Protein backbone atom coordinates (compact mmCIF):
# COMPACT_ATOMS: atom_id res chain seq x y z
CA MET A 1 -1.95 4.34 5.26
CA ASN A 2 -1.83 8.15 5.03
CA LYS A 3 1.92 8.06 4.39
CA TYR A 4 1.35 5.81 1.37
CA PHE A 5 -1.22 8.19 -0.11
CA THR A 6 1.16 11.09 0.53
CA TYR A 7 3.96 9.18 -1.18
CA ILE A 8 1.75 8.49 -4.21
CA TYR A 9 0.58 12.12 -4.33
CA ILE A 10 4.14 13.49 -4.27
CA ILE A 11 5.26 11.16 -7.07
CA ALA A 12 2.14 11.97 -9.11
CA LYS A 13 2.71 15.70 -8.68
CA ASN A 14 6.36 15.46 -9.69
CA SER A 15 5.58 13.19 -12.65
CA TYR A 16 3.02 15.61 -14.12
CA SER A 17 4.32 19.05 -13.23
CA THR A 18 3.17 20.17 -16.70
CA LYS A 19 -0.15 19.35 -18.35
CA LYS A 20 1.20 18.75 -21.86
CA LYS A 21 2.07 15.10 -21.25
CA LEU A 22 -1.39 14.32 -19.89
CA ILE A 23 -3.08 16.09 -22.79
CA PHE A 24 -1.17 14.07 -25.40
CA GLN A 25 -1.80 10.84 -23.49
CA MET A 26 -5.53 11.47 -23.44
CA LEU A 27 -5.57 12.41 -27.13
CA ASN A 28 -3.96 9.06 -27.81
CA HIS A 29 -6.62 7.35 -25.69
CA ILE A 30 -9.47 9.17 -27.45
CA ILE A 31 -8.10 8.18 -30.87
CA PHE A 32 -8.08 4.54 -29.80
CA LEU A 33 -11.65 4.74 -28.49
CA LEU A 34 -12.93 6.25 -31.73
CA PHE A 35 -10.99 3.79 -33.89
CA ASN A 36 -12.35 0.94 -31.79
CA PHE A 37 -15.91 2.22 -32.13
CA PHE A 38 -15.84 2.56 -35.94
CA LEU A 39 -14.07 -0.78 -36.36
CA TYR A 40 -16.65 -2.71 -34.34
CA GLN A 41 -19.56 -0.71 -35.74
CA ASN A 42 -18.66 -1.97 -39.21
CA LEU A 43 -17.92 -5.47 -37.93
CA TYR A 44 -21.40 -5.75 -36.38
CA LYS A 45 -22.94 -4.50 -39.63
CA ILE A 46 -21.10 -7.18 -41.60
CA LYS A 47 -21.78 -9.91 -39.04
CA PRO A 48 -25.00 -8.99 -37.17
CA GLU A 49 -25.09 -12.47 -35.58
CA LEU A 50 -22.33 -11.30 -33.21
CA VAL A 51 -25.06 -9.67 -31.14
CA ASP A 52 -25.92 -13.18 -29.91
CA LYS A 53 -22.44 -13.42 -28.36
CA ILE A 54 -22.29 -9.93 -26.86
CA PRO A 55 -24.33 -6.76 -27.56
CA PHE A 56 -22.51 -4.10 -29.57
CA GLN A 57 -22.53 -1.53 -26.76
CA ASN A 58 -21.08 -4.06 -24.30
CA ALA A 59 -18.28 -4.89 -26.71
CA ILE A 60 -17.37 -1.20 -26.92
CA TRP A 61 -17.48 -0.74 -23.14
CA SER A 62 -15.43 -3.89 -22.61
CA MET A 63 -12.66 -2.82 -24.98
CA SER A 64 -12.55 0.72 -23.60
CA MET A 65 -12.30 -0.56 -20.01
CA TYR A 66 -9.37 -2.82 -20.88
CA PHE A 67 -7.39 0.15 -22.10
CA VAL A 68 -8.25 2.08 -18.95
CA ILE A 69 -6.37 -0.66 -17.07
CA PHE A 70 -3.49 -0.21 -19.51
CA TRP A 71 -2.88 3.31 -18.16
CA LEU A 72 -2.02 1.99 -14.69
CA GLY A 73 1.35 0.98 -16.15
CA THR A 74 1.71 -2.18 -14.05
CA ARG A 75 3.82 -3.80 -16.77
CA ARG A 76 6.58 -1.30 -16.05
CA LEU A 77 7.14 -2.90 -12.64
CA SER A 78 9.04 -5.76 -14.25
CA ARG A 79 11.27 -3.33 -16.19
CA ILE A 80 11.99 -1.24 -13.09
CA PHE A 81 13.12 -4.32 -11.17
CA LYS A 82 15.38 -5.30 -14.06
CA GLY A 83 16.82 -1.76 -14.35
CA ASP A 84 17.60 -1.57 -10.63
CA ILE A 85 19.36 -4.92 -10.71
CA GLU A 86 21.40 -4.13 -13.84
CA SER A 87 22.45 -0.71 -12.50
CA GLY A 88 23.31 -2.01 -9.04
CA ASN A 89 20.90 0.44 -7.38
CA ILE A 90 18.96 -2.49 -5.96
CA GLU A 91 21.26 -2.61 -2.92
CA ILE A 92 20.53 1.03 -2.10
CA TYR A 93 16.77 0.48 -2.32
CA LEU A 94 16.99 -2.63 -0.14
CA LEU A 95 18.65 -0.58 2.61
CA ARG A 96 15.70 1.80 2.84
CA PRO A 97 13.21 1.29 5.70
CA MET A 98 10.32 0.71 3.28
CA ASN A 99 10.09 -2.71 1.63
CA TYR A 100 11.56 -2.65 -1.91
CA ILE A 101 8.47 -4.08 -3.60
CA LYS A 102 6.23 -1.63 -1.78
CA GLN A 103 8.47 1.26 -2.92
CA LYS A 104 8.11 0.26 -6.55
CA VAL A 105 4.36 -0.37 -6.40
CA LEU A 106 3.79 3.08 -4.89
CA GLN A 107 6.13 4.61 -7.48
CA ILE A 108 4.28 3.05 -10.42
CA THR A 109 0.90 3.99 -8.91
CA GLY A 110 1.97 7.60 -8.39
CA GLN A 111 3.41 7.92 -11.89
CA ASN A 112 0.24 6.61 -13.52
CA ILE A 113 -2.65 7.59 -11.26
CA TYR A 114 -3.48 10.81 -13.15
CA PRO A 115 -3.60 9.26 -16.65
CA PHE A 116 -5.56 6.29 -15.25
CA LEU A 117 -8.23 8.51 -13.68
CA LEU A 118 -8.47 10.73 -16.75
CA ALA A 119 -8.63 7.70 -19.05
CA LEU A 120 -11.41 6.25 -16.89
CA ILE A 121 -13.44 9.46 -17.09
CA THR A 122 -12.73 9.79 -20.81
CA SER A 123 -13.76 6.20 -21.54
CA VAL A 124 -17.00 6.52 -19.57
CA VAL A 125 -17.98 9.81 -21.23
CA ILE A 126 -17.09 8.79 -24.79
CA SER A 127 -18.52 5.26 -24.52
CA PHE A 128 -21.77 6.64 -23.10
CA TYR A 129 -21.95 9.28 -25.84
CA LEU A 130 -21.27 6.76 -28.63
CA VAL A 131 -23.35 3.74 -27.55
CA GLY A 132 -25.17 4.63 -24.34
CA LEU A 133 -25.13 2.38 -21.28
CA PRO A 134 -24.13 -1.29 -21.57
CA VAL A 135 -26.82 -3.97 -21.44
CA ILE A 136 -26.95 -5.32 -17.87
CA TYR A 137 -28.97 -8.25 -16.56
CA GLY A 138 -29.68 -7.38 -12.94
CA ASN A 139 -29.54 -4.52 -10.45
CA LYS A 140 -27.70 -1.48 -11.86
CA TYR A 141 -26.48 -0.31 -8.44
CA PHE A 142 -24.96 -3.69 -7.65
CA PHE A 143 -23.36 -3.62 -11.10
CA LEU A 144 -21.51 -0.40 -10.20
CA ILE A 145 -20.44 -1.79 -6.83
CA GLN A 146 -19.09 -4.98 -8.38
CA LEU A 147 -17.16 -2.95 -10.97
CA PHE A 148 -15.36 -1.10 -8.18
CA VAL A 149 -14.61 -4.29 -6.22
CA ILE A 150 -13.36 -6.15 -9.29
CA LEU A 151 -11.21 -3.19 -10.33
CA ILE A 152 -9.43 -3.11 -6.96
CA PHE A 153 -8.78 -6.82 -6.58
CA SER A 154 -8.02 -7.58 -10.23
CA GLN A 155 -5.38 -4.84 -10.21
CA ILE A 156 -3.84 -6.27 -7.05
CA LEU A 157 -3.47 -9.49 -9.02
CA MET A 158 -2.05 -7.59 -12.01
CA TYR A 159 0.59 -6.05 -9.74
CA LEU A 160 1.45 -9.48 -8.34
CA LEU A 161 1.89 -10.96 -11.83
CA TYR A 162 4.37 -8.28 -12.88
CA ILE A 163 6.12 -8.33 -9.50
CA PHE A 164 6.76 -12.00 -10.19
CA CYS A 165 8.18 -11.12 -13.61
CA GLY A 166 10.40 -8.52 -11.95
CA LEU A 167 11.67 -10.91 -9.29
CA ILE A 168 12.74 -13.36 -12.00
CA ALA A 169 15.33 -10.72 -12.99
CA PHE A 170 17.31 -11.60 -9.85
CA TRP A 171 18.23 -14.88 -11.55
CA MET A 172 17.96 -14.11 -15.28
CA ASN A 173 20.08 -11.61 -17.17
CA ASP A 174 17.01 -10.68 -19.19
CA ASN A 175 13.47 -11.25 -17.90
CA THR A 176 11.93 -9.56 -20.96
CA PRO A 177 10.72 -12.86 -22.53
CA ILE A 178 8.78 -13.71 -19.35
CA GLU A 179 7.30 -10.21 -19.22
CA ASN A 180 6.31 -10.36 -22.90
CA LEU A 181 4.72 -13.78 -22.43
CA PHE A 182 2.67 -12.57 -19.47
CA GLY A 183 1.72 -9.41 -21.36
CA LYS A 184 0.49 -11.30 -24.43
CA PHE A 185 -1.56 -13.72 -22.33
CA ILE A 186 -3.16 -10.82 -20.43
CA MET A 187 -3.99 -8.96 -23.64
CA ILE A 188 -5.49 -12.00 -25.36
CA LEU A 189 -7.39 -13.48 -22.42
CA GLY A 190 -8.34 -10.07 -21.03
CA GLY A 191 -10.07 -9.06 -24.25
CA ALA A 192 -7.69 -6.35 -25.48
CA TRP A 193 -7.84 -7.33 -29.15
CA VAL A 194 -11.27 -8.94 -29.39
CA PRO A 195 -13.93 -9.55 -26.73
CA VAL A 196 -13.55 -12.88 -24.94
CA ALA A 197 -17.17 -13.62 -25.87
CA PHE A 198 -15.99 -14.10 -29.48
CA PHE A 199 -13.59 -16.90 -28.47
CA PRO A 200 -14.34 -20.63 -28.66
CA LEU A 201 -15.89 -21.93 -25.44
CA VAL A 202 -12.70 -23.70 -24.30
CA ILE A 203 -10.62 -20.52 -24.57
CA GLN A 204 -13.36 -18.57 -22.79
CA LYS A 205 -13.01 -20.97 -19.85
CA VAL A 206 -9.26 -20.40 -19.83
CA ALA A 207 -9.88 -16.63 -19.74
CA TYR A 208 -12.37 -16.92 -16.87
CA TYR A 209 -10.19 -19.17 -14.70
CA SER A 210 -6.59 -18.24 -15.52
CA PRO A 211 -4.73 -15.45 -13.67
CA PHE A 212 -4.13 -13.69 -16.99
CA GLY A 213 -7.80 -13.36 -17.88
CA VAL A 214 -9.13 -12.41 -14.44
CA SER A 215 -6.38 -9.82 -13.90
CA ALA A 216 -8.21 -7.85 -16.62
CA SER A 217 -11.64 -8.60 -15.15
CA LEU A 218 -12.80 -5.01 -15.50
CA SER A 219 -13.24 -5.60 -19.23
CA LEU A 220 -15.03 -8.92 -18.59
CA ALA A 221 -17.27 -7.22 -16.02
CA MET A 222 -18.86 -5.18 -18.81
CA TYR A 223 -20.65 -8.26 -20.15
CA PRO A 224 -24.46 -8.42 -19.69
CA ASP A 225 -24.33 -11.40 -17.30
CA SER A 226 -21.43 -10.10 -15.20
CA ILE A 227 -23.55 -9.79 -12.05
CA SER A 228 -24.40 -13.49 -12.07
CA SER A 229 -20.69 -14.26 -12.61
CA PHE A 230 -19.48 -11.97 -9.82
CA ASN A 231 -19.02 -14.66 -7.14
CA ARG A 232 -17.12 -16.89 -9.54
CA ASN A 233 -14.90 -14.05 -10.72
CA MET A 234 -14.06 -12.94 -7.18
CA PHE A 235 -13.29 -16.49 -6.08
CA VAL A 236 -10.88 -16.96 -8.99
CA ILE A 237 -9.26 -13.55 -8.42
CA MET A 238 -8.77 -14.17 -4.71
CA PHE A 239 -7.38 -17.65 -5.37
CA TRP A 240 -4.70 -16.30 -7.70
CA ILE A 241 -3.94 -13.37 -5.38
CA ILE A 242 -3.16 -15.86 -2.62
CA VAL A 243 -1.12 -18.09 -4.96
CA PHE A 244 1.01 -15.30 -6.45
CA GLY A 245 1.19 -13.49 -3.11
CA LEU A 246 2.83 -16.57 -1.57
CA ILE A 247 5.04 -17.18 -4.60
CA ASN A 248 6.27 -13.57 -4.55
CA TYR A 249 6.82 -13.61 -0.80
CA PHE A 250 9.14 -16.61 -0.90
CA THR A 251 10.78 -15.54 -4.17
CA TYR A 252 11.56 -12.12 -2.68
CA LYS A 253 13.07 -13.72 0.42
CA LEU A 254 15.35 -15.81 -1.81
CA ALA A 255 16.19 -12.77 -3.96
CA VAL A 256 17.26 -10.68 -0.94
CA LYS A 257 19.34 -13.60 0.33
CA LYS A 258 20.97 -13.91 -3.08
CA ILE A 259 21.89 -10.21 -3.07
CA SER A 260 23.24 -10.48 0.50
CA VAL A 261 25.42 -13.48 -0.38
CA ASN A 262 26.65 -12.39 -3.81
CA GLY A 263 26.47 -8.63 -3.37
């Protein structure tokens, strides 16, 4: 395990040898948070009945947490797979002692760990300053624990979704349509554009039980009743982790065989 953390640290250090890139990334994140706040502040003034769906402060926290996830850069996994296949470098990576998928996951994590952590801190500070703490029904300490657990496992699922998109590139000349489709579903059902609580009940159910919605569960976990929904959310997340874990395992085996035969 230590070698993986070392690998991530080295990539992170090399990716951000200067601070300018991080500064501009966080300025971009702050602009979004402020725009989001003023947009929904006016929306709740125009339509005060929205409070019955989700309190204003929870809506702000939910949106800000979704775009914290965005900084992990998991979507780039699919593009990296495609680039390696198109360039022919895939054969070199497959010869390395470390599993190819593991290499790319560690690479993406290392390249994005600094902006993710800074975005998380920035979102917490700014959201707290603008609207205070979210409304929570239940024990506040358990709420924090469940946020951490959901973050870890939902991001494992997010990685698996984009690994699947990347593995499709072994058979398709262009896997971009699949990646875009997954990306749009995750943004819509994860609450990137509007909180899921604003959706019709049927679409809310799709968000709560589909892999696309629960992969962005950190944003859904900011809802007032998230503690009572924790067991359901974890069951759904673990179910899809197992499903896509198995799919990716067998797809990767076929992909390596395809390279060995045709390469």
